[in-house]
PDB file of N, CA and C in Angstrom:
ATOM      1  N   MET A   1     -47.734-128.397 115.994  1.00  0.00           N
ATOM      2  CA  MET A   1     -47.465-129.465 117.079  1.00  0.00           C
ATOM      3  C   MET A   1     -47.190-129.182 118.249  1.00  0.00           C
ATOM      4  N   LYS A   2     -46.830-127.765 118.380  1.00  0.00           N
ATOM      5  CA  LYS A   2     -46.470-126.865 119.530  1.00  0.00           C
ATOM      6  C   LYS A   2     -47.442-126.870 120.396  1.00  0.00           C
ATOM      7  N   ASN A   3     -48.578-125.831 119.169  1.00  0.00           N
ATOM      8  CA  ASN A   3     -49.769-125.480 120.032  1.00  0.00           C
ATOM      9  C   ASN A   3     -50.729-126.609 120.533  1.00  0.00           C
ATOM     10  N   ILE A   4     -50.920-128.048 119.882  1.00  0.00           N
ATOM     11  CA  ILE A   4     -51.306-129.077 120.240  1.00  0.00           C
ATOM     12  C   ILE A   4     -51.186-129.692 121.828  1.00  0.00           C
ATOM     13  N   LEU A   5     -49.522-129.910 121.526  1.00  0.00           N
ATOM     14  CA  LEU A   5     -48.885-130.559 122.576  1.00  0.00           C
ATOM     15  C   LEU A   5     -48.794-129.452 123.792  1.00  0.00           C
ATOM     16  N   GLY A   6     -48.245-128.161 123.320  1.00  0.00           N
ATOM     17  CA  GLY A   6     -48.365-127.441 124.624  1.00  0.00           C
ATOM     18  C   GLY A   6     -46.862-127.197 124.966  1.00  0.00           C
ATOM     19  N   VAL A   7     -45.908-127.904 124.151  1.00  0.00           N
ATOM     20  CA  VAL A   7     -44.512-128.276 125.049  1.00  0.00           C
ATOM     21  C   VAL A   7     -43.456-128.041 123.570  1.00  0.00           C
ATOM     22  N   GLY A   8     -42.160-127.659 123.675  1.00  0.00           N
ATOM     23  CA  GLY A   8     -41.413-127.477 122.489  1.00  0.00           C
ATOM     24  C   GLY A   8     -41.116-125.948 122.008  1.00  0.00           C
ATOM     25  N   ILE A   9     -40.359-126.449 120.995  1.00  0.00           N
ATOM     26  CA  ILE A   9     -39.586-125.155 120.414  1.00  0.00           C
ATOM     27  C   ILE A   9     -39.779-125.157 118.842  1.00  0.00           C
ATOM     28  N   MET A  10     -40.460-124.429 118.264  1.00  0.00           N
ATOM     29  CA  MET A  10     -40.029-124.425 116.695  1.00  0.00           C
ATOM     30  C   MET A  10     -39.259-123.282 116.080  1.00  0.00           C
ATOM     31  N   LYS A  11     -38.313-124.084 115.156  1.00  0.00           N
ATOM     32  CA  LYS A  11     -37.317-123.012 114.670  1.00  0.00           C
ATOM     33  C   LYS A  11     -37.618-123.240 113.202  1.00  0.00           C
ATOM     34  N   MET A  12     -37.579-122.035 112.906  1.00  0.00           N
ATOM     35  CA  MET A  12     -37.403-122.052 111.108  1.00  0.00           C
ATOM     36  C   MET A  12     -36.214-121.545 110.640  1.00  0.00           C
ATOM     37  N   ARG A  13     -36.052-122.107 109.607  1.00  0.00           N
ATOM     38  CA  ARG A  13     -34.427-121.236 108.471  1.00  0.00           C
ATOM     39  C   ARG A  13     -35.115-121.436 107.188  1.00  0.00           C
ATOM     40  N   LYS A  14     -34.102-120.557 106.583  1.00  0.00           N
ATOM     41  CA  LYS A  14     -34.301-120.663 104.818  1.00  0.00           C
ATOM     42  C   LYS A  14     -33.189-120.196 104.561  1.00  0.00           C
ATOM     43  N   ARG A  15     -33.219-121.073 103.203  1.00  0.00           N
ATOM     44  CA  ARG A  15     -31.909-121.371 102.542  1.00  0.00           C
ATOM     45  C   ARG A  15     -32.216-121.459 101.055  1.00  0.00           C
ATOM     46  N   LYS A  16     -31.376-121.294 100.159  1.00  0.00           N
ATOM     47  CA  LYS A  16     -31.927-121.566  98.683  1.00  0.00           C
ATOM     48  C   LYS A  16     -30.932-122.811  98.650  1.00  0.00           C
ATOM     49  N   SER A  17     -31.744-123.348  97.463  1.00  0.00           N
ATOM     50  CA  SER A  17     -31.102-125.095  97.108  1.00  0.00           C
ATOM     51  C   SER A  17     -30.394-124.644  95.949  1.00  0.00           C
ATOM     52  N   ILE A  18     -29.857-125.957  95.213  1.00  0.00           N
ATOM     53  CA  ILE A  18     -28.864-125.831  94.147  1.00  0.00           C
ATOM     54  C   ILE A  18     -29.396-125.304  92.927  1.00  0.00           C
ATOM     55  N   LYS A  19     -30.568-125.317  93.058  1.00  0.00           N
ATOM     56  CA  LYS A  19     -31.313-124.664  91.615  1.00  0.00           C
ATOM     57  C   LYS A  19     -31.858-123.085  91.673  1.00  0.00           C
ATOM     58  N   GLY A  20     -31.315-122.872  93.267  1.00  0.00           N
ATOM     59  CA  GLY A  20     -31.674-121.456  93.589  1.00  0.00           C
ATOM     60  C   GLY A  20     -33.081-120.863  94.245  1.00  0.00           C
ATOM     61  N   LEU A  21     -33.673-122.469  93.962  1.00  0.00           N
ATOM     62  CA  LEU A  21     -35.527-121.924  94.849  1.00  0.00           C
ATOM     63  C   LEU A  21     -35.022-121.768  95.982  1.00  0.00           C
ATOM     64  N   ASN A  22     -35.845-120.673  96.689  1.00  0.00           N
ATOM     65  CA  ASN A  22     -36.162-120.757  98.354  1.00  0.00           C
ATOM     66  C   ASN A  22     -36.707-121.702  98.717  1.00  0.00           C
ATOM     67  N   LEU A  23     -35.884-122.166  99.921  1.00  0.00           N
ATOM     68  CA  LEU A  23     -36.604-123.262 100.729  1.00  0.00           C
ATOM     69  C   LEU A  23     -37.016-122.594 102.210  1.00  0.00           C
ATOM     70  N   GLU A  24     -37.689-122.971 102.725  1.00  0.00           N
ATOM     71  CA  GLU A  24     -38.333-123.008 104.008  1.00  0.00           C
ATOM     72  C   GLU A  24     -38.456-123.823 104.881  1.00  0.00           C
ATOM     73  N   PHE A  25     -37.581-124.162 105.889  1.00  0.00           N
ATOM     74  CA  PHE A  25     -37.762-125.122 106.846  1.00  0.00           C
ATOM     75  C   PHE A  25     -38.390-125.235 108.166  1.00  0.00           C
ATOM     76  N   ALA A  26     -39.052-125.601 108.869  1.00  0.00           N
ATOM     77  CA  ALA A  26     -39.976-125.815 110.533  1.00  0.00           C
ATOM     78  C   ALA A  26     -39.077-127.167 111.165  1.00  0.00           C
ATOM     79  N   THR A  27     -38.610-126.925 112.047  1.00  0.00           N
ATOM     80  CA  THR A  27     -37.798-127.944 113.223  1.00  0.00           C
ATOM     81  C   THR A  27     -39.100-127.622 114.328  1.00  0.00           C
ATOM     82  N   PHE A  28     -39.511-129.201 114.874  1.00  0.00           N
ATOM     83  CA  PHE A  28     -39.998-128.678 115.945  1.00  0.00           C
ATOM     84  C   PHE A  28     -39.138-129.995 117.065  1.00  0.00           C
ATOM     85  N   CYS A  29     -38.793-129.118 118.122  1.00  0.00           N
ATOM     86  CA  CYS A  29     -37.929-129.765 119.507  1.00  0.00           C
ATOM     87  C   CYS A  29     -38.387-129.850 120.392  1.00  0.00           C
ATOM     88  N   ILE A  30     -38.537-131.202 121.246  1.00  0.00           N
ATOM     89  CA  ILE A  30     -38.776-131.373 122.365  1.00  0.00           C
ATOM     90  C   ILE A  30     -37.317-131.531 123.210  1.00  0.00           C
ATOM     91  N   ARG A  31     -36.685-131.100 124.241  1.00  0.00           N
ATOM     92  CA  ARG A  31     -35.785-131.317 125.065  1.00  0.00           C
ATOM     93  C   ARG A  31     -35.909-131.444 126.353  1.00  0.00           C
ATOM     94  N   ASN A  32     -36.855-130.998 126.770  1.00  0.00           N
ATOM     95  CA  ASN A  32     -37.196-131.167 128.383  1.00  0.00           C
ATOM     96  C   ASN A  32     -37.547-132.471 128.701  1.00  0.00           C
ATOM     97  N   LYS A  33     -36.955-133.454 129.431  1.00  0.00           N
ATOM     98  CA  LYS A  33     -37.073-134.495 130.207  1.00  0.00           C
ATOM     99  C   LYS A  33     -38.658-134.938 130.234  1.00  0.00           C
ATOM    100  N   LYS A  34     -39.062-133.969 131.199  1.00  0.00           N
ATOM    101  CA  LYS A  34     -40.463-133.982 131.694  1.00  0.00           C
ATOM    102  C   LYS A  34     -41.608-133.778 130.607  1.00  0.00           C
ATOM    103  N   HIS A  35     -41.082-133.024 129.695  1.00  0.00           N
ATOM    104  CA  HIS A  35     -42.460-133.352 128.618  1.00  0.00           C
ATOM    105  C   HIS A  35     -41.815-134.363 127.794  1.00  0.00           C
ATOM    106  N   LEU A  36     -40.854-134.537 127.442  1.00  0.00           N
ATOM    107  CA  LEU A  36     -40.855-136.242 127.007  1.00  0.00           C
ATOM    108  C   LEU A  36     -41.370-137.192 127.416  1.00  0.00           C
ATOM    109  N   LYS A  37     -41.389-137.457 128.871  1.00  0.00           N
ATOM    110  CA  LYS A  37     -41.772-138.239 129.826  1.00  0.00           C
ATOM    111  C   LYS A  37     -43.219-138.496 129.607  1.00  0.00           C
ATOM    112  N   GLU A  38     -43.764-137.081 129.970  1.00  0.00           N
ATOM    113  CA  GLU A  38     -45.279-136.711 130.218  1.00  0.00           C
ATOM    114  C   GLU A  38     -46.161-136.480 129.044  1.00  0.00           C
ATOM    115  N   VAL A  39     -45.552-136.138 128.112  1.00  0.00           N
ATOM    116  CA  VAL A  39     -46.250-135.493 126.769  1.00  0.00           C
ATOM    117  C   VAL A  39     -46.126-136.822 125.364  1.00  0.00           C
ATOM    118  N   VAL A  40     -44.763-136.763 125.013  1.00  0.00           N
ATOM    119  CA  VAL A  40     -44.752-137.891 124.197  1.00  0.00           C
ATOM    120  C   VAL A  40     -44.654-139.135 124.252  1.00  0.00           C
ATOM    121  N   THR A  41     -43.877-139.878 125.553  1.00  0.00           N
ATOM    122  CA  THR A  41     -43.772-141.252 125.521  1.00  0.00           C
ATOM    123  C   THR A  41     -45.429-141.643 125.779  1.00  0.00           C
ATOM    124  N   PRO A  42     -46.321-141.215 126.238  1.00  0.00           N
ATOM    125  CA  PRO A  42     -47.839-141.241 126.229  1.00  0.00           C
ATOM    126  C   PRO A  42     -48.476-141.753 124.748  1.00  0.00           C
ATOM    127  N   ILE A  43     -47.890-140.622 124.018  1.00  0.00           N
ATOM    128  CA  ILE A  43     -48.267-140.421 122.460  1.00  0.00           C
ATOM    129  C   ILE A  43     -47.975-142.239 121.902  1.00  0.00           C
ATOM    130  N   PHE A  44     -46.645-142.207 121.833  1.00  0.00           N
ATOM    131  CA  PHE A  44     -46.216-143.575 121.288  1.00  0.00           C
ATOM    132  C   PHE A  44     -46.680-144.656 122.291  1.00  0.00           C
ATOM    133  N   ASP A  45     -46.744-144.599 123.281  1.00  0.00           N
ATOM    134  CA  ASP A  45     -47.367-145.899 124.088  1.00  0.00           C
ATOM    135  C   ASP A  45     -48.202-146.447 123.347  1.00  0.00           C
ATOM    136  N   GLN A  46     -49.393-145.280 123.055  1.00  0.00           N
ATOM    137  CA  GLN A  46     -50.480-145.300 123.064  1.00  0.00           C
ATOM    138  C   GLN A  46     -51.090-145.461 121.051  1.00  0.00           C
ATOM    139  N   TYR A  47     -50.090-144.963 120.307  1.00  0.00           N
ATOM    140  CA  TYR A  47     -49.956-145.330 119.316  1.00  0.00           C
ATOM    141  C   TYR A  47     -48.537-146.043 118.649  1.00  0.00           C
ATOM    142  N   PRO A  48     -48.033-147.259 119.102  1.00  0.00           N
ATOM    143  CA  PRO A  48     -46.721-147.453 119.156  1.00  0.00           C
ATOM    144  C   PRO A  48     -46.844-147.596 117.283  1.00  0.00           C
ATOM    145  N   MET A  49     -45.332-147.587 117.027  1.00  0.00           N
ATOM    146  CA  MET A  49     -44.721-147.512 115.679  1.00  0.00           C
ATOM    147  C   MET A  49     -44.851-149.163 115.119  1.00  0.00           C
ATOM    148  N   THR A  50     -45.006-149.263 114.057  1.00  0.00           N
ATOM    149  CA  THR A  50     -45.134-150.879 113.263  1.00  0.00           C
ATOM    150  C   THR A  50     -44.065-151.230 112.803  1.00  0.00           C
ATOM    151  N   THR A  51     -43.311-151.132 112.877  1.00  0.00           N
ATOM    152  CA  THR A  51     -41.930-151.074 112.111  1.00  0.00           C
ATOM    153  C   THR A  51     -40.601-151.176 112.957  1.00  0.00           C
ATOM    154  N   LEU A  52     -39.426-151.553 112.710  1.00  0.00           N
ATOM    155  CA  LEU A  52     -38.316-151.693 113.753  1.00  0.00           C
ATOM    156  C   LEU A  52     -37.774-150.320 114.074  1.00  0.00           C
ATOM    157  N   LYS A  53     -38.712-149.375 113.629  1.00  0.00           N
ATOM    158  CA  LYS A  53     -38.208-148.088 114.786  1.00  0.00           C
ATOM    159  C   LYS A  53     -38.774-148.300 116.023  1.00  0.00           C
ATOM    160  N   GLN A  54     -39.766-149.173 116.472  1.00  0.00           N
ATOM    161  CA  GLN A  54     -39.994-149.228 117.395  1.00  0.00           C
ATOM    162  C   GLN A  54     -39.224-149.863 118.469  1.00  0.00           C
ATOM    163  N   TYR A  55     -38.259-150.719 118.171  1.00  0.00           N
ATOM    164  CA  TYR A  55     -37.213-150.858 119.067  1.00  0.00           C
ATOM    165  C   TYR A  55     -36.480-149.904 119.464  1.00  0.00           C
ATOM    166  N   ASP A  56     -36.217-148.931 118.541  1.00  0.00           N
ATOM    167  CA  ASP A  56     -35.339-147.814 119.025  1.00  0.00           C
ATOM    168  C   ASP A  56     -36.225-146.978 119.893  1.00  0.00           C
ATOM    169  N   TYR A  57     -37.432-146.723 119.728  1.00  0.00           N
ATOM    170  CA  TYR A  57     -38.343-146.124 120.665  1.00  0.00           C
ATOM    171  C   TYR A  57     -38.111-146.514 121.902  1.00  0.00           C
ATOM    172  N   THR A  58     -38.486-148.074 121.941  1.00  0.00           N
ATOM    173  CA  THR A  58     -38.283-148.632 123.064  1.00  0.00           C
ATOM    174  C   THR A  58     -37.112-148.785 124.279  1.00  0.00           C
ATOM    175  N   ARG A  59     -36.190-148.128 123.649  1.00  0.00           N
ATOM    176  CA  ARG A  59     -34.644-148.327 124.175  1.00  0.00           C
ATOM    177  C   ARG A  59     -34.369-146.638 124.354  1.00  0.00           C
ATOM    178  N   PHE A  60     -35.010-145.784 123.641  1.00  0.00           N
ATOM    179  CA  PHE A  60     -35.170-144.641 123.967  1.00  0.00           C
ATOM    180  C   PHE A  60     -36.084-144.305 125.570  1.00  0.00           C
ATOM    181  N   LYS A  61     -36.984-145.025 125.219  1.00  0.00           N
ATOM    182  CA  LYS A  61     -38.111-144.581 126.610  1.00  0.00           C
ATOM    183  C   LYS A  61     -37.094-145.079 127.723  1.00  0.00           C
ATOM    184  N   GLU A  62     -36.532-146.397 127.629  1.00  0.00           N
ATOM    185  CA  GLU A  62     -35.829-146.912 128.673  1.00  0.00           C
ATOM    186  C   GLU A  62     -34.932-146.168 129.344  1.00  0.00           C
ATOM    187  N   ASN A  63     -34.458-145.553 128.521  1.00  0.00           N
ATOM    188  CA  ASN A  63     -32.995-145.070 128.811  1.00  0.00           C
ATOM    189  C   ASN A  63     -33.517-143.282 129.628  1.00  0.00           C
ATOM    190  N   LEU A  64     -34.502-143.228 128.598  1.00  0.00           N
ATOM    191  CA  LEU A  64     -35.217-141.563 129.201  1.00  0.00           C
ATOM    192  C   LEU A  64     -35.623-142.043 130.757  1.00  0.00           C
ATOM    193  N   LEU A  65     -36.500-143.171 130.822  1.00  0.00           N
ATOM    194  CA  LEU A  65     -37.012-143.179 132.348  1.00  0.00           C
ATOM    195  C   LEU A  65     -35.852-143.700 133.239  1.00  0.00           C
ATOM    196  N   ASN A  66     -34.767-144.120 133.031  1.00  0.00           N
ATOM    197  CA  ASN A  66     -33.795-144.349 133.769  1.00  0.00           C
ATOM    198  C   ASN A  66     -32.770-143.272 134.101  1.00  0.00           C
ATOM    199  N   ASP A  67     -33.258-141.757 133.582  1.00  0.00           N
ATOM    200  CA  ASP A  67     -32.386-140.887 133.790  1.00  0.00           C
ATOM    201  C   ASP A  67     -30.752-141.318 133.224  1.00  0.00           C
ATOM    202  N   ILE A  68     -30.799-141.945 131.829  1.00  0.00           N
ATOM    203  CA  ILE A  68     -29.175-141.995 131.382  1.00  0.00           C
ATOM    204  C   ILE A  68     -28.984-140.547 131.026  1.00  0.00           C
ATOM    205  N   MET A  69     -28.226-139.870 131.174  1.00  0.00           N
ATOM    206  CA  MET A  69     -27.676-138.824 131.078  1.00  0.00           C
ATOM    207  C   MET A  69     -26.419-138.621 129.976  1.00  0.00           C
ATOM    208  N   PHE A  70     -25.368-139.814 130.236  1.00  0.00           N
ATOM    209  CA  PHE A  70     -23.874-139.756 129.557  1.00  0.00           C
ATOM    210  C   PHE A  70     -23.776-141.035 128.521  1.00  0.00           C
ATOM    211  N   TYR A  71     -23.590-140.437 127.391  1.00  0.00           N
ATOM    212  CA  TYR A  71     -23.301-141.395 126.077  1.00  0.00           C
ATOM    213  C   TYR A  71     -22.547-143.067 126.776  1.00  0.00           C
ATOM    214  N   ASP A  72     -21.444-142.744 127.825  1.00  0.00           N
ATOM    215  CA  ASP A  72     -21.094-143.688 128.456  1.00  0.00           C
ATOM    216  C   ASP A  72     -21.951-144.810 129.406  1.00  0.00           C
ATOM    217  N   ASP A  73     -23.146-143.985 129.278  1.00  0.00           N
ATOM    218  CA  ASP A  73     -23.719-144.848 130.551  1.00  0.00           C
ATOM    219  C   ASP A  73     -24.898-145.749 129.864  1.00  0.00           C
ATOM    220  N   LEU A  74     -24.712-145.668 128.259  1.00  0.00           N
ATOM    221  CA  LEU A  74     -25.608-146.365 127.695  1.00  0.00           C
ATOM    222  C   LEU A  74     -25.493-147.653 127.225  1.00  0.00           C
ATOM    223  N   MET A  75     -26.309-148.926 127.355  1.00  0.00           N
ATOM    224  CA  MET A  75     -25.724-150.180 127.236  1.00  0.00           C
ATOM    225  C   MET A  75     -25.735-150.347 125.512  1.00  0.00           C
ATOM    226  N   PRO A  76     -24.578-151.285 125.428  1.00  0.00           N
ATOM    227  CA  PRO A  76     -24.330-151.442 123.965  1.00  0.00           C
ATOM    228  C   PRO A  76     -26.116-151.968 123.231  1.00  0.00           C
ATOM    229  N   TYR A  77     -26.024-151.389 121.854  1.00  0.00           N
ATOM    230  CA  TYR A  77     -27.635-151.482 121.647  1.00  0.00           C
ATOM    231  C   TYR A  77     -27.158-152.144 120.049  1.00  0.00           C
ATOM    232  N   LYS A  78     -28.208-153.042 119.623  1.00  0.00           N
ATOM    233  CA  LYS A  78     -28.189-153.445 118.130  1.00  0.00           C
ATOM    234  C   LYS A  78     -29.767-153.772 118.040  1.00  0.00           C
ATOM    235  N   ARG A  79     -30.248-153.015 117.043  1.00  0.00           N
ATOM    236  CA  ARG A  79     -31.710-153.115 116.615  1.00  0.00           C
ATOM    237  C   ARG A  79     -31.791-154.384 116.145  1.00  0.00           C
ATOM    238  N   SER A  80     -32.779-155.092 116.674  1.00  0.00           N
ATOM    239  CA  SER A  80     -33.295-156.585 116.105  1.00  0.00           C
ATOM    240  C   SER A  80     -33.574-156.420 114.860  1.00  0.00           C
ATOM    241  N   ASN A  81     -33.832-157.236 113.785  1.00  0.00           N
ATOM    242  CA  ASN A  81     -33.916-157.109 112.479  1.00  0.00           C
ATOM    243  C   ASN A  81     -35.390-158.460 112.477  1.00  0.00           C
ATOM    244  N   ILE A  82     -35.758-158.714 113.621  1.00  0.00           N
ATOM    245  CA  ILE A  82     -37.291-159.297 113.762  1.00  0.00           C
ATOM    246  C   ILE A  82     -38.366-158.496 113.758  1.00  0.00           C
ATOM    247  N   PRO A  83     -39.149-158.450 112.845  1.00  0.00           N
ATOM    248  CA  PRO A  83     -40.424-157.741 112.585  1.00  0.00           C
ATOM    249  C   PRO A  83     -41.378-158.310 113.782  1.00  0.00           C
ATOM    250  N   LEU A  84     -42.231-156.673 114.326  1.00  0.00           N
ATOM    251  CA  LEU A  84     -42.733-156.992 115.375  1.00  0.00           C
ATOM    252  C   LEU A  84     -44.249-157.245 114.692  1.00  0.00           C
ATOM    253  N   TYR A  85     -44.601-156.939 113.549  1.00  0.00           N
ATOM    254  CA  TYR A  85     -45.758-156.764 112.541  1.00  0.00           C
ATOM    255  C   TYR A  85     -45.719-157.896 111.660  1.00  0.00           C
ATOM    256  N   ASN A  86     -46.655-158.513 111.137  1.00  0.00           N
ATOM    257  CA  ASN A  86     -46.813-159.003 109.543  1.00  0.00           C
ATOM    258  C   ASN A  86     -47.148-157.743 108.480  1.00  0.00           C
ATOM    259  N   MET A  87     -47.215-157.468 107.499  1.00  0.00           N
ATOM    260  CA  MET A  87     -47.965-156.441 106.290  1.00  0.00           C
ATOM    261  C   MET A  87     -49.306-156.481 106.951  1.00  0.00           C
ATOM    262  N   LYS A  88     -49.867-157.423 107.147  1.00  0.00           N
ATOM    263  CA  LYS A  88     -51.576-157.413 107.121  1.00  0.00           C
ATOM    264  C   LYS A  88     -51.988-156.784 108.510  1.00  0.00           C
ATOM    265  N   ASP A  89     -51.172-156.933 109.657  1.00  0.00           N
ATOM    266  CA  ASP A  89     -51.429-156.498 110.547  1.00  0.00           C
ATOM    267  C   ASP A  89     -51.006-154.764 110.946  1.00  0.00           C
ATOM    268  N   MET A  90     -49.718-154.325 110.005  1.00  0.00           N
ATOM    269  CA  MET A  90     -49.614-153.247 110.209  1.00  0.00           C
ATOM    270  C   MET A  90     -50.543-152.420 109.498  1.00  0.00           C
ATOM    271  N   LEU A  91     -51.053-152.805 108.385  1.00  0.00           N
ATOM    272  CA  LEU A  91     -51.795-152.547 107.248  1.00  0.00           C
ATOM    273  C   LEU A  91     -53.450-152.201 108.103  1.00  0.00           C
ATOM    274  N   ASN A  92     -53.612-152.936 109.263  1.00  0.00           N
ATOM    275  CA  ASN A  92     -54.895-153.144 110.049  1.00  0.00           C
ATOM    276  C   ASN A  92     -55.160-152.165 111.043  1.00  0.00           C
ATOM    277  N   LYS A  93     -53.978-151.291 111.044  1.00  0.00           N
ATOM    278  CA  LYS A  93     -53.798-150.550 112.373  1.00  0.00           C
ATOM    279  C   LYS A  93     -54.678-149.447 112.126  1.00  0.00           C
ATOM    280  N   GLU A  94     -55.660-149.112 113.309  1.00  0.00           N
ATOM    281  CA  GLU A  94     -56.820-148.495 113.277  1.00  0.00           C
ATOM    282  C   GLU A  94     -56.521-146.981 113.253  1.00  0.00           C
ATOM    283  N   TYR A  95     -55.214-146.573 113.875  1.00  0.00           N
ATOM    284  CA  TYR A  95     -54.667-145.505 113.932  1.00  0.00           C
ATOM    285  C   TYR A  95     -53.988-144.909 112.784  1.00  0.00           C
ATOM    286  N   PHE A  96     -53.213-145.642 112.075  1.00  0.00           N
ATOM    287  CA  PHE A  96     -52.671-145.008 110.940  1.00  0.00           C
ATOM    288  C   PHE A  96     -53.220-145.590 109.481  1.00  0.00           C
ATOM    289  N   SER A  97     -53.315-144.714 108.982  1.00  0.00           N
ATOM    290  CA  SER A  97     -53.979-145.220 106.936  1.00  0.00           C
ATOM    291  C   SER A  97     -52.237-145.770 106.524  1.00  0.00           C
ATOM    292  N   ALA A  98     -52.102-146.715 105.625  1.00  0.00           N
ATOM    293  CA  ALA A  98     -50.965-147.492 105.156  1.00  0.00           C
ATOM    294  C   ALA A  98     -49.734-145.785 104.660  1.00  0.00           C
ATOM    295  N   TRP A  99     -49.908-145.311 104.017  1.00  0.00           N
ATOM    296  CA  TRP A  99     -49.400-143.780 103.175  1.00  0.00           C
ATOM    297  C   TRP A  99     -48.672-143.374 104.481  1.00  0.00           C
ATOM    298  N   LEU A 100     -49.698-142.785 105.309  1.00  0.00           N
ATOM    299  CA  LEU A 100     -48.964-141.976 106.673  1.00  0.00           C
ATOM    300  C   LEU A 100     -47.906-142.881 107.484  1.00  0.00           C
ATOM    301  N   MET A 101     -48.443-143.826 107.389  1.00  0.00           N
ATOM    302  CA  MET A 101     -47.200-144.908 108.744  1.00  0.00           C
ATOM    303  C   MET A 101     -46.208-144.718 107.531  1.00  0.00           C
ATOM    304  N   GLY A 102     -46.116-145.083 106.642  1.00  0.00           N
ATOM    305  CA  GLY A 102     -44.731-145.171 105.693  1.00  0.00           C
ATOM    306  C   GLY A 102     -44.068-143.624 105.665  1.00  0.00           C
ATOM    307  N   PHE A 103     -44.822-142.726 105.699  1.00  0.00           N
ATOM    308  CA  PHE A 103     -44.258-140.968 105.876  1.00  0.00           C
ATOM    309  C   PHE A 103     -43.724-141.095 106.939  1.00  0.00           C
ATOM    310  N   ILE A 104     -44.322-141.190 108.402  1.00  0.00           N
ATOM    311  CA  ILE A 104     -43.958-141.054 109.790  1.00  0.00           C
ATOM    312  C   ILE A 104     -42.839-141.918 109.998  1.00  0.00           C
ATOM    313  N   GLU A 105     -42.547-142.993 109.690  1.00  0.00           N
ATOM    314  CA  GLU A 105     -41.711-143.957 109.955  1.00  0.00           C
ATOM    315  C   GLU A 105     -40.559-144.156 109.132  1.00  0.00           C
ATOM    316  N   ALA A 106     -40.650-143.491 107.668  1.00  0.00           N
ATOM    317  CA  ALA A 106     -39.454-143.391 106.952  1.00  0.00           C
ATOM    318  C   ALA A 106     -38.325-142.435 107.662  1.00  0.00           C
ATOM    319  N   GLU A 107     -37.260-142.259 106.779  1.00  0.00           N
ATOM    320  CA  GLU A 107     -36.532-141.228 106.985  1.00  0.00           C
ATOM    321  C   GLU A 107     -37.011-139.830 105.793  1.00  0.00           C
ATOM    322  N   GLY A 108     -38.108-139.630 105.875  1.00  0.00           N
ATOM    323  CA  GLY A 108     -38.776-138.264 105.189  1.00  0.00           C
ATOM    324  C   GLY A 108     -38.936-137.329 105.742  1.00  0.00           C
ATOM    325  N   SER A 109     -39.532-136.696 105.469  1.00  0.00           N
ATOM    326  CA  SER A 109     -40.387-135.403 106.029  1.00  0.00           C
ATOM    327  C   SER A 109     -41.361-134.972 105.404  1.00  0.00           C
ATOM    328  N   PHE A 110     -42.512-134.241 105.930  1.00  0.00           N
ATOM    329  CA  PHE A 110     -43.673-133.787 105.571  1.00  0.00           C
ATOM    330  C   PHE A 110     -43.078-132.503 105.017  1.00  0.00           C
ATOM    331  N   GLY A 111     -44.001-132.077 104.073  1.00  0.00           N
ATOM    332  CA  GLY A 111     -43.658-130.794 103.222  1.00  0.00           C
ATOM    333  C   GLY A 111     -44.896-130.175 102.567  1.00  0.00           C
ATOM    334  N   THR A 112     -44.791-129.184 102.650  1.00  0.00           N
ATOM    335  CA  THR A 112     -45.631-128.001 101.730  1.00  0.00           C
ATOM    336  C   THR A 112     -45.248-127.407 100.813  1.00  0.00           C
ATOM    337  N   TYR A 113     -45.764-127.021  99.771  1.00  0.00           N
ATOM    338  CA  TYR A 113     -44.984-126.013  98.740  1.00  0.00           C
ATOM    339  C   TYR A 113     -46.129-124.981  98.155  1.00  0.00           C
ATOM    340  N   GLU A 114     -45.294-123.902  97.943  1.00  0.00           N
ATOM    341  CA  GLU A 114     -46.279-122.799  97.457  1.00  0.00           C
ATOM    342  C   GLU A 114     -45.502-122.711  96.167  1.00  0.00           C
ATOM    343  N   VAL A 115     -46.672-122.526  95.315  1.00  0.00           N
ATOM    344  CA  VAL A 115     -46.248-121.985  93.814  1.00  0.00           C
ATOM    345  C   VAL A 115     -46.689-120.565  93.031  1.00  0.00           C
ATOM    346  N   SER A 116     -45.893-119.275  92.981  1.00  0.00           N
ATOM    347  CA  SER A 116     -46.586-118.501  92.357  1.00  0.00           C
ATOM    348  C   SER A 116     -45.604-118.106  90.841  1.00  0.00           C
ATOM    349  N   LYS A 117     -46.187-117.288  90.517  1.00  0.00           N
ATOM    350  CA  LYS A 117     -45.294-117.161  89.065  1.00  0.00           C
ATOM    351  C   LYS A 117     -43.722-116.815  89.344  1.00  0.00           C
ATOM    352  N   ASP A 118     -43.396-115.605  90.431  1.00  0.00           N
ATOM    353  CA  ASP A 118     -42.026-115.616  90.396  1.00  0.00           C
ATOM    354  C   ASP A 118     -41.615-116.169  91.614  1.00  0.00           C
ATOM    355  N   ASN A 119     -41.804-117.269  92.209  1.00  0.00           N
ATOM    356  CA  ASN A 119     -41.425-117.575  93.435  1.00  0.00           C
ATOM    357  C   ASN A 119     -41.748-119.116  93.295  1.00  0.00           C
ATOM    358  N   TYR A 120     -40.986-119.982  94.168  1.00  0.00           N
ATOM    359  CA  TYR A 120     -41.157-121.528  94.344  1.00  0.00           C
ATOM    360  C   TYR A 120     -41.053-121.540  95.954  1.00  0.00           C
ATOM    361  N   GLN A 121     -41.482-121.905  97.022  1.00  0.00           N
ATOM    362  CA  GLN A 121     -40.872-121.974  98.054  1.00  0.00           C
ATOM    363  C   GLN A 121     -41.848-123.326  98.724  1.00  0.00           C
ATOM    364  N   MET A 122     -40.788-123.768  99.458  1.00  0.00           N
ATOM    365  CA  MET A 122     -41.187-125.282 100.040  1.00  0.00           C
ATOM    366  C   MET A 122     -41.086-125.105 101.176  1.00  0.00           C
ATOM    367  N   ALA A 123     -41.544-125.458 102.396  1.00  0.00           N
ATOM    368  CA  ALA A 123     -41.623-125.860 103.567  1.00  0.00           C
ATOM    369  C   ALA A 123     -41.386-127.264 103.742  1.00  0.00           C
ATOM    370  N   TYR A 124     -40.416-127.795 104.616  1.00  0.00           N
ATOM    371  CA  TYR A 124     -40.669-129.265 105.559  1.00  0.00           C
ATOM    372  C   TYR A 124     -40.851-129.168 107.076  1.00  0.00           C
ATOM    373  N   PHE A 125     -41.492-130.187 107.377  1.00  0.00           N
ATOM    374  CA  PHE A 125     -41.767-130.558 108.948  1.00  0.00           C
ATOM    375  C   PHE A 125     -41.679-131.617 109.152  1.00  0.00           C
TER     376      PHE A 125
END
């Protein structure tokens, strides 16, 4: 993602799981407000989320564009429970297949794993 977008920082970390497996994690972060405004928001504007998380994005973008810097300056927020789209509309979005949409908007992560005789490694993105 960093290579494609040209911004952000990749962080790698390793740890052992409860079962003693070696786990490798990658995190991609963008903290620069200019990069968020010029690179990230256009992507989410062109390919909007179809679940209630779109409300969170709209609030995030509004605060970003208004240069809100401190927690005390945030307006109170409660996410609406009114769906933006019905299921048929969501599944007919040309830019996401149904399984990918659920993955991206869920509280999950992307991952790959490599199995060898002596080692089991998993990387999350």
